[in-house]
Amino acid sequence: MKQFNVPNIYRSSLVSAIKNKRKQDDKLKKDFSPTLLDLGPVQFYLARHFGFCYGVENAIEIAFTTIDENPGKRIFLLSEMIHNPQVNADLQAKGVQFLQDTNGKQLIPFDTLSADDIVLIPAFGTTLQIESVLREKGIHIENYNTTCPFVEKVWNRSEQIASRGYSIVVHGKPRHEETRATFSHASSKTPTIVVNDMAEAIELGKYITGEKRSEDFYEKFKGRFSPGFDIDKDLSRIGVVNQTTQLASDTQAIADYLKSIMKKKYNLDESRLNEHFADTRDTLCYATYDNQTAAAGLLEIHGDLAVVIGGYNSSNTSHLVELCESKLPTYFINSPDKIISKNEIINCNWRTKEEKHFFEFIPSKEPVKILVTSGASCPDALVEDVIEKIASFFFVSEKLEGIEKEYMEA
């Protein structure tokens, strides 16, 4: 796989040594057990896979290279490059300006742009409408497009489905940049609708079967369907794709449920299923799959608590929190600064995004077993900083140097 030139401030010598050794020992990525960092009174279990993925490293390399190669030019980001506050703050510190916030709210009018400006497209991609606006201004977005290849894979899959006469159901968070982009690309080819979760998929199923009135659909799913969507005909042949950072199990469950609805309505056996339901296969990206599977492996350890590190508006990170908190006390932080002391931490609720102080979060026992993972847009340097800070509470930080040396020499 391609190696990217990512600023050293995001790297961690400790984490790199561990990842390199695990990769060397498990080239086929079949071992999802965590790595134990035994510091005596505190033991850290590090997930097999976590941190920057291919798409994120690609986006960061393009962004920082663009800055270095274009001194004096105005450089804009369409929205957040990735969902990590440190990386976005670093780009802003270098003079990059954001045109929109993460929800699509305009911060700087497109009318103020000129053909001499540079606009970076974030890793989530963007809508066809925004692409058109920028091109009309003479801005060469193809030179600075950091859209993740796995997001583009979903767009290509959507186009293939559309070409065979299917409508598309997108499983994604409706306000997320990637979902908005995927919806735009899909709806340019075929009728498209977005469902947020299984509850909405079940509601959609009731309109497919006729259990609910067709006219009520347009209010229930307002803002979620493409122009001219006809509930009476556009849901007779469907395929499901997803926002690449959703929980794989959730997308599969939604696809299976809608498949069962189509079987029931049209009295289909497996041989005729493709008459009404497209075999889309999973469109989750490899990093999301690896990180979620590694989280499952991590949770086989009977830990005392879990710490998940990443941006609060990061979808893939939120799902890691969701997985972990189903098994044990879990704390979601975006910086080591959120760990105030051995007795206090500021946790983010992954559903509401509200922060709250928790006290006595580290139990009074030895050894304390702490499970650690991070999202695909979280720098490894932050993971090391979190481990070092917690280790300092037990006065064992110096042992990390020995562990790093062992992995480098192994």
Protein backbone atom coordinates (compact mmCIF):
# COMPACT_ATOMS: atom_id res chain seq x y z
CA MET A 1 0.00 0.00 0.00
CA LYS A 2 1.19 3.52 -0.78
CA GLN A 3 3.15 5.33 1.91
CA PHE A 4 2.09 8.93 2.51
CA ASN A 5 4.10 11.94 3.57
CA VAL A 6 2.23 12.93 6.73
CA PRO A 7 3.69 15.59 9.07
CA ASN A 8 5.70 14.07 11.91
CA ILE A 9 3.61 15.92 14.48
CA TYR A 10 0.90 13.33 13.84
CA ARG A 11 3.20 10.32 14.17
CA SER A 12 4.11 8.36 17.28
CA SER A 13 7.34 6.41 17.53
CA LEU A 14 5.78 4.10 20.12
CA VAL A 15 2.62 3.39 18.14
CA SER A 16 4.55 3.06 14.86
CA ALA A 17 6.88 0.48 16.42
CA ILE A 18 3.89 -1.53 17.68
CA LYS A 19 1.97 -1.31 14.39
CA ASN A 20 5.01 -2.26 12.32
CA LYS A 21 5.71 -5.32 14.48
CA ARG A 22 2.07 -6.44 14.40
CA LYS A 23 1.97 -5.97 10.62
CA GLN A 24 5.18 -7.97 10.22
CA ASP A 25 3.81 -10.82 12.33
CA ASP A 26 0.33 -10.77 10.77
CA LYS A 27 0.65 -9.83 7.10
CA LEU A 28 -2.78 -11.24 6.23
CA LYS A 29 -4.48 -9.32 9.06
CA LYS A 30 -6.15 -12.37 10.57
CA ASP A 31 -5.18 -11.66 14.19
CA PHE A 32 -7.49 -9.07 15.76
CA SER A 33 -6.29 -9.52 19.33
CA PRO A 34 -5.06 -6.35 21.07
CA THR A 35 -1.50 -5.46 22.06
CA LEU A 36 -0.74 -5.47 25.79
CA LEU A 37 1.40 -2.67 27.21
CA ASP A 38 2.07 -3.96 30.72
CA LEU A 39 3.31 -1.13 32.93
CA GLY A 40 2.68 -2.95 36.20
CA PRO A 41 -0.04 -1.09 38.12
CA VAL A 42 -1.71 -0.08 34.86
CA GLN A 43 -2.11 -2.24 31.76
CA PHE A 44 -3.10 -0.81 28.39
CA TYR A 45 -4.67 -3.02 25.74
CA LEU A 46 -4.23 -1.37 22.36
CA ALA A 47 -6.60 -2.35 19.55
CA ARG A 48 -5.01 -4.22 16.62
CA HIS A 49 -6.18 -1.56 14.15
CA PHE A 50 -6.86 2.11 14.83
CA GLY A 51 -5.89 5.59 13.68
CA PHE A 52 -5.25 7.16 10.30
CA CYS A 53 -6.59 5.22 7.32
CA TYR A 54 -5.56 5.41 3.64
CA GLY A 55 -8.13 8.09 2.80
CA VAL A 56 -7.17 10.31 5.73
CA GLU A 57 -3.44 10.11 5.07
CA ASN A 58 -4.07 10.83 1.39
CA ALA A 59 -6.13 13.91 2.29
CA ILE A 60 -3.56 15.22 4.78
CA GLU A 61 -0.69 14.76 2.32
CA ILE A 62 -2.54 16.61 -0.46
CA ALA A 63 -3.56 19.44 1.89
CA PHE A 64 -0.12 20.12 3.36
CA THR A 65 1.63 19.68 -0.01
CA THR A 66 -0.80 22.18 -1.55
CA ILE A 67 0.02 24.70 1.18
CA ASP A 68 3.78 24.26 0.71
CA GLU A 69 3.60 24.53 -3.09
CA ASN A 70 1.35 27.60 -3.24
CA PRO A 71 2.82 30.36 -1.03
CA GLY A 72 0.83 33.58 -1.19
CA LYS A 73 -2.26 31.99 -2.72
CA ARG A 74 -5.64 31.93 -1.05
CA ILE A 75 -6.41 28.34 -0.07
CA PHE A 76 -9.85 27.23 1.03
CA LEU A 77 -11.26 24.00 2.38
CA LEU A 78 -14.80 23.24 1.32
CA SER A 79 -15.45 22.01 4.88
CA GLU A 80 -13.49 20.12 7.52
CA MET A 81 -10.70 18.13 5.85
CA ILE A 82 -11.37 15.22 8.19
CA HIS A 83 -13.24 14.99 11.48
CA ASN A 84 -10.28 15.75 13.70
CA PRO A 85 -10.03 19.10 15.51
CA GLN A 86 -6.22 19.13 15.73
CA VAL A 87 -5.67 18.56 12.00
CA ASN A 88 -8.27 21.15 11.04
CA ALA A 89 -6.81 23.67 13.50
CA ASP A 90 -3.31 23.08 12.08
CA LEU A 91 -4.58 23.78 8.56
CA GLN A 92 -6.32 26.97 9.70
CA ALA A 93 -3.13 28.06 11.45
CA LYS A 94 -1.39 27.83 8.06
CA GLY A 95 -3.96 30.21 6.56
CA VAL A 96 -6.48 27.75 5.13
CA GLN A 97 -10.07 29.05 5.37
CA PHE A 98 -13.24 26.96 5.61
CA LEU A 99 -16.03 27.76 3.15
CA GLN A 100 -18.65 25.72 5.05
CA ASP A 101 -19.03 24.10 8.43
CA THR A 102 -19.48 20.35 8.84
CA ASN A 103 -23.28 20.66 8.44
CA GLY A 104 -23.05 22.55 5.15
CA LYS A 105 -23.70 26.03 6.56
CA GLN A 106 -21.98 28.65 4.41
CA LEU A 107 -19.19 30.49 6.25
CA ILE A 108 -17.65 32.26 3.25
CA PRO A 109 -19.85 32.96 0.18
CA PHE A 110 -18.86 31.18 -3.02
CA ASP A 111 -19.33 34.56 -4.74
CA THR A 112 -16.11 35.78 -3.12
CA LEU A 113 -14.03 33.12 -4.87
CA SER A 114 -12.07 33.60 -8.08
CA ALA A 115 -10.31 31.35 -10.57
CA ASP A 116 -6.99 32.16 -8.85
CA ASP A 117 -8.11 30.56 -5.60
CA ILE A 118 -7.49 26.98 -4.52
CA VAL A 119 -10.35 24.94 -3.06
CA LEU A 120 -9.61 21.61 -1.41
CA ILE A 121 -12.37 19.01 -1.53
CA PRO A 122 -12.40 17.06 1.78
CA ALA A 123 -12.05 13.31 2.20
CA PHE A 124 -15.84 12.96 2.43
CA GLY A 125 -16.28 14.28 -1.12
CA THR A 126 -18.91 16.85 -2.06
CA THR A 127 -22.12 17.26 -4.02
CA LEU A 128 -22.35 17.58 -7.79
CA GLN A 129 -24.04 20.95 -7.29
CA ILE A 130 -21.08 22.38 -5.38
CA GLU A 131 -18.63 20.91 -7.88
CA SER A 132 -20.55 22.71 -10.64
CA VAL A 133 -20.48 26.06 -8.79
CA LEU A 134 -16.73 25.84 -8.29
CA ARG A 135 -16.02 24.82 -11.88
CA GLU A 136 -18.13 27.69 -13.22
CA LYS A 137 -15.76 30.01 -11.37
CA GLY A 138 -12.81 28.43 -13.15
CA ILE A 139 -11.52 26.66 -10.04
CA HIS A 140 -9.68 23.43 -10.89
CA ILE A 141 -10.98 21.21 -8.12
CA GLU A 142 -9.65 18.03 -9.74
CA ASN A 143 -6.13 19.13 -8.75
CA TYR A 144 -7.03 19.38 -5.07
CA ASN A 145 -9.65 16.69 -4.60
CA THR A 146 -8.96 14.55 -1.53
CA THR A 147 -12.14 12.43 -1.76
CA CYS A 148 -11.46 9.01 -0.26
CA PRO A 149 -11.26 6.23 -2.89
CA PHE A 150 -13.64 4.13 -0.79
CA VAL A 151 -16.26 6.88 -0.88
CA GLU A 152 -15.87 7.01 -4.65
CA LYS A 153 -16.30 3.22 -4.68
CA VAL A 154 -19.78 3.70 -3.16
CA TRP A 155 -20.61 6.27 -5.85
CA ASN A 156 -19.51 3.82 -8.55
CA ARG A 157 -21.57 1.04 -6.98
CA SER A 158 -24.58 3.36 -6.90
CA GLU A 159 -24.14 4.14 -10.59
CA GLN A 160 -23.98 0.43 -11.41
CA ILE A 161 -27.20 -0.21 -9.50
CA ALA A 162 -28.91 2.74 -11.16
CA SER A 163 -27.94 1.50 -14.62
CA ARG A 164 -29.91 -1.68 -13.93
CA GLY A 165 -33.08 0.21 -13.06
CA TYR A 166 -32.94 0.13 -9.28
CA SER A 167 -33.66 2.99 -6.91
CA ILE A 168 -31.12 3.50 -4.12
CA VAL A 169 -31.52 3.45 -0.37
CA VAL A 170 -28.54 5.12 1.34
CA HIS A 171 -27.88 4.06 4.92
CA GLY A 172 -26.23 7.12 6.41
CA LYS A 173 -26.49 10.08 8.75
CA PRO A 174 -28.52 12.57 6.69
CA ARG A 175 -26.50 15.65 7.70
CA HIS A 176 -23.08 14.05 7.33
CA GLU A 177 -20.91 15.45 4.52
CA GLU A 178 -20.31 12.01 3.02
CA THR A 179 -24.00 11.10 3.01
CA ARG A 180 -24.91 14.41 1.37
CA ALA A 181 -22.27 13.77 -1.30
CA THR A 182 -23.36 10.17 -1.90
CA PHE A 183 -27.00 11.23 -2.08
CA SER A 184 -26.11 13.87 -4.69
CA HIS A 185 -24.20 11.42 -6.89
CA ALA A 186 -26.78 8.65 -6.56
CA SER A 187 -29.83 10.87 -7.11
CA SER A 188 -28.33 12.22 -10.33
CA LYS A 189 -28.75 8.70 -11.76
CA THR A 190 -31.83 7.24 -10.08
CA PRO A 191 -34.50 7.90 -7.41
CA THR A 192 -32.73 7.93 -4.03
CA ILE A 193 -33.70 8.04 -0.36
CA VAL A 194 -31.65 8.22 2.87
CA VAL A 195 -32.44 6.19 5.99
CA ASN A 196 -30.61 6.95 9.22
CA ASP A 197 -31.11 3.67 11.07
CA MET A 198 -33.13 0.48 11.37
CA ALA A 199 -36.12 2.32 12.82
CA GLU A 200 -36.37 4.40 9.65
CA ALA A 201 -35.81 1.32 7.48
CA ILE A 202 -38.78 -0.32 9.22
CA GLU A 203 -40.87 2.79 8.56
CA LEU A 204 -39.83 2.70 4.90
CA GLY A 205 -40.82 -0.96 4.75
CA LYS A 206 -44.35 -0.05 5.85
CA TYR A 207 -44.71 2.27 2.87
CA ILE A 208 -43.36 -0.43 0.55
CA THR A 209 -45.92 -2.95 1.77
CA GLY A 210 -48.75 -0.42 1.79
CA GLU A 211 -49.22 -0.66 5.56
CA LYS A 212 -48.87 3.12 5.67
CA ARG A 213 -50.47 5.64 3.32
CA SER A 214 -48.34 6.79 0.39
CA GLU A 215 -49.19 10.45 0.95
CA ASP A 216 -47.73 10.35 4.48
CA PHE A 217 -44.35 9.27 3.14
CA TYR A 218 -43.48 12.71 1.81
CA GLU A 219 -43.79 14.33 5.23
CA LYS A 220 -42.11 11.49 7.14
CA PHE A 221 -39.04 11.47 4.89
CA LYS A 222 -39.05 15.16 4.01
CA GLY A 223 -35.62 16.28 2.82
CA ARG A 224 -34.43 12.68 2.50
CA PHE A 225 -35.57 11.80 -1.06
CA SER A 226 -34.64 12.97 -4.53
CA PRO A 227 -36.82 15.41 -6.52
CA GLY A 228 -39.82 13.77 -8.20
CA PHE A 229 -39.60 10.67 -6.01
CA ASP A 230 -42.70 8.55 -6.62
CA ILE A 231 -43.47 6.35 -3.62
CA ASP A 232 -45.79 4.15 -5.67
CA LYS A 233 -43.20 3.10 -8.25
CA ASP A 234 -39.70 4.10 -7.11
CA LEU A 235 -39.59 1.58 -4.25
CA SER A 236 -40.48 -1.45 -6.37
CA ARG A 237 -36.80 -2.14 -7.21
CA ILE A 238 -34.16 -1.10 -4.68
CA GLY A 239 -30.54 -1.54 -3.67
CA VAL A 240 -28.80 -0.50 -0.45
CA VAL A 241 -25.46 1.33 -0.15
CA ASN A 242 -24.00 2.99 2.91
CA GLN A 243 -22.02 5.85 4.33
CA THR A 244 -18.66 4.09 4.58
CA THR A 245 -18.22 4.72 8.30
CA GLN A 246 -21.48 3.19 9.51
CA LEU A 247 -21.54 0.05 11.64
CA ALA A 248 -21.23 -2.90 9.25
CA SER A 249 -23.74 -4.91 11.26
CA ASP A 250 -26.30 -2.08 11.08
CA THR A 251 -26.06 -1.75 7.30
CA GLN A 252 -26.30 -5.51 6.86
CA ALA A 253 -29.34 -5.66 9.13
CA ILE A 254 -31.06 -2.88 7.18
CA ALA A 255 -30.31 -4.56 3.84
CA ASP A 256 -31.54 -7.92 5.15
CA TYR A 257 -34.73 -6.33 6.48
CA LEU A 258 -35.57 -4.52 3.25
CA LYS A 259 -34.76 -7.70 1.32
CA SER A 260 -37.28 -9.60 3.45
CA ILE A 261 -39.87 -6.91 2.77
CA MET A 262 -39.40 -7.26 -0.98
CA LYS A 263 -39.58 -11.07 -0.75
CA LYS A 264 -42.84 -10.85 1.15
CA LYS A 265 -44.50 -8.22 -1.02
CA TYR A 266 -43.61 -9.81 -4.35
CA ASN A 267 -43.65 -13.46 -3.18
CA LEU A 268 -40.05 -14.01 -4.28
CA ASP A 269 -37.73 -16.94 -3.80
CA GLU A 270 -33.94 -16.50 -3.94
CA SER A 271 -33.82 -17.20 -7.68
CA ARG A 272 -36.08 -14.22 -8.43
CA LEU A 273 -34.89 -11.87 -5.70
CA ASN A 274 -32.88 -9.70 -8.11
CA GLU A 275 -36.09 -8.73 -9.86
CA HIS A 276 -36.74 -6.35 -6.97
CA PHE A 277 -33.60 -6.22 -4.79
CA ALA A 278 -30.05 -5.52 -5.98
CA ASP A 279 -27.13 -7.55 -4.66
CA THR A 280 -25.02 -4.56 -3.64
CA ARG A 281 -22.71 -6.31 -1.18
CA ASP A 282 -21.26 -4.25 1.64
CA THR A 283 -19.83 -0.85 0.74
CA LEU A 284 -18.06 -0.29 4.06
CA CYS A 285 -14.43 0.81 3.71
CA TYR A 286 -11.68 -1.58 4.74
CA ALA A 287 -10.43 0.67 7.57
CA THR A 288 -13.86 0.95 9.14
CA TYR A 289 -14.23 -2.83 8.96
CA ASP A 290 -10.76 -3.44 10.41
CA ASN A 291 -11.22 -0.92 13.22
CA GLN A 292 -14.65 -2.29 14.17
CA THR A 293 -13.42 -5.89 14.06
CA ALA A 294 -10.37 -4.90 16.11
CA ALA A 295 -12.69 -3.25 18.65
CA ALA A 296 -14.56 -6.55 18.92
CA GLY A 297 -11.24 -8.31 19.56
CA LEU A 298 -10.36 -5.66 22.13
CA LEU A 299 -13.61 -6.25 23.98
CA GLU A 300 -12.72 -9.90 24.54
CA ILE A 301 -10.41 -8.58 27.25
CA HIS A 302 -12.14 -8.14 30.60
CA GLY A 303 -11.03 -4.56 31.05
CA ASP A 304 -12.00 -2.03 33.71
CA LEU A 305 -12.70 0.79 31.26
CA ALA A 306 -12.18 1.84 27.66
CA VAL A 307 -10.88 5.11 26.25
CA VAL A 308 -11.79 6.00 22.65
CA ILE A 309 -9.97 8.95 21.08
CA GLY A 310 -11.17 10.99 18.12
CA GLY A 311 -13.18 13.93 16.84
CA TYR A 312 -16.62 14.26 18.36
CA ASN A 313 -18.31 14.60 14.96
CA SER A 314 -16.45 11.59 13.56
CA SER A 315 -18.96 8.93 12.57
CA ASN A 316 -16.56 5.99 12.61
CA THR A 317 -15.21 7.01 16.03
CA SER A 318 -18.72 7.31 17.48
CA HIS A 319 -19.45 3.77 16.37
CA LEU A 320 -16.33 2.53 18.17
CA VAL A 321 -17.62 4.22 21.33
CA GLU A 322 -21.00 2.59 20.77
CA LEU A 323 -19.38 -0.84 20.51
CA CYS A 324 -17.22 -0.38 23.60
CA GLU A 325 -19.84 1.11 25.90
CA SER A 326 -22.07 -1.90 25.30
CA LYS A 327 -19.51 -3.93 27.27
CA LEU A 328 -17.85 -1.68 29.85
CA PRO A 329 -17.49 1.95 31.06
CA THR A 330 -16.24 3.93 28.06
CA TYR A 331 -14.89 7.47 27.81
CA PHE A 332 -14.87 9.38 24.52
CA ILE A 333 -12.25 12.15 24.35
CA ASN A 334 -10.67 14.20 21.57
CA SER A 335 -7.52 15.23 23.42
CA PRO A 336 -5.38 14.19 26.40
CA ASP A 337 -6.39 17.55 27.90
CA LYS A 338 -9.80 16.00 28.61
CA ILE A 339 -8.11 13.84 31.25
CA ILE A 340 -7.90 16.28 34.13
CA SER A 341 -6.43 13.94 36.73
CA LYS A 342 -6.49 10.34 37.87
CA ASN A 343 -9.87 11.13 39.38
CA GLU A 344 -11.50 13.28 36.67
CA ILE A 345 -12.19 13.07 32.94
CA ILE A 346 -14.37 15.05 30.53
CA ASN A 347 -16.38 12.57 28.52
CA CYS A 348 -18.33 13.28 25.32
CA ASN A 349 -21.72 11.65 24.86
CA TRP A 350 -21.45 10.21 21.34
CA ARG A 351 -25.19 10.64 20.73
CA THR A 352 -25.72 14.22 21.94
CA LYS A 353 -22.10 15.48 21.64
CA GLU A 354 -22.45 16.97 25.10
CA GLU A 355 -19.44 16.92 27.42
CA LYS A 356 -19.72 15.94 31.08
CA HIS A 357 -17.23 15.58 33.92
CA PHE A 358 -16.86 12.10 35.39
CA PHE A 359 -15.07 11.47 38.67
CA GLU A 360 -13.22 8.43 40.02
CA PHE A 361 -13.22 7.03 36.49
CA ILE A 362 -10.10 4.95 37.18
CA PRO A 363 -10.93 2.27 39.75
CA SER A 364 -8.83 1.94 42.93
CA LYS A 365 -7.26 -1.41 42.12
CA GLU A 366 -4.10 -2.82 40.60
CA PRO A 367 -3.54 -3.63 37.91
CA VAL A 368 -6.07 -1.41 36.19
CA LYS A 369 -6.86 -2.72 32.71
CA ILE A 370 -7.60 0.04 30.18
CA LEU A 371 -8.73 -0.69 26.61
CA VAL A 372 -7.63 1.92 24.06
CA THR A 373 -8.61 2.62 20.46
CA SER A 374 -9.11 5.62 18.18
CA GLY A 375 -10.96 6.69 15.06
CA ALA A 376 -9.67 6.72 11.50
CA SER A 377 -9.01 10.47 11.60
CA CYS A 378 -7.14 10.49 14.92
CA PRO A 379 -3.35 10.98 14.84
CA ASP A 380 -1.30 8.26 16.55
CA ALA A 381 0.50 11.02 18.44
CA LEU A 382 -2.70 11.72 20.38
CA VAL A 383 -3.03 8.06 21.33
CA GLU A 384 0.51 8.02 22.70
CA ASP A 385 -0.14 11.28 24.59
CA VAL A 386 -3.24 9.79 26.22
CA ILE A 387 -1.35 6.64 27.25
CA GLU A 388 1.54 8.69 28.62
CA LYS A 389 -0.77 10.94 30.63
CA ILE A 390 -2.61 8.07 32.28
CA ALA A 391 0.70 6.24 32.89
CA SER A 392 2.02 9.36 34.67
CA PHE A 393 -0.72 9.01 37.28
CA PHE A 394 0.85 5.66 38.22
CA PHE A 395 4.43 7.02 37.95
CA VAL A 396 5.36 4.47 35.26
CA SER A 397 5.71 6.67 32.14
CA GLU A 398 9.39 5.79 31.77
CA LYS A 399 8.46 2.14 31.12
CA LEU A 400 6.97 3.14 27.76
CA GLU A 401 10.46 3.80 26.40
CA GLY A 402 11.47 0.24 27.19
CA ILE A 403 8.36 -1.16 25.49
CA GLU A 404 9.04 0.96 22.39
CA LYS A 405 12.63 -0.30 22.28
CA GLU A 406 11.47 -3.90 22.58
CA TYR A 407 9.12 -3.53 19.60
CA MET A 408 11.73 -1.73 17.49
CA GLU A 409 14.32 -4.43 18.12
CA ALA A 410 11.95 -7.39 17.77
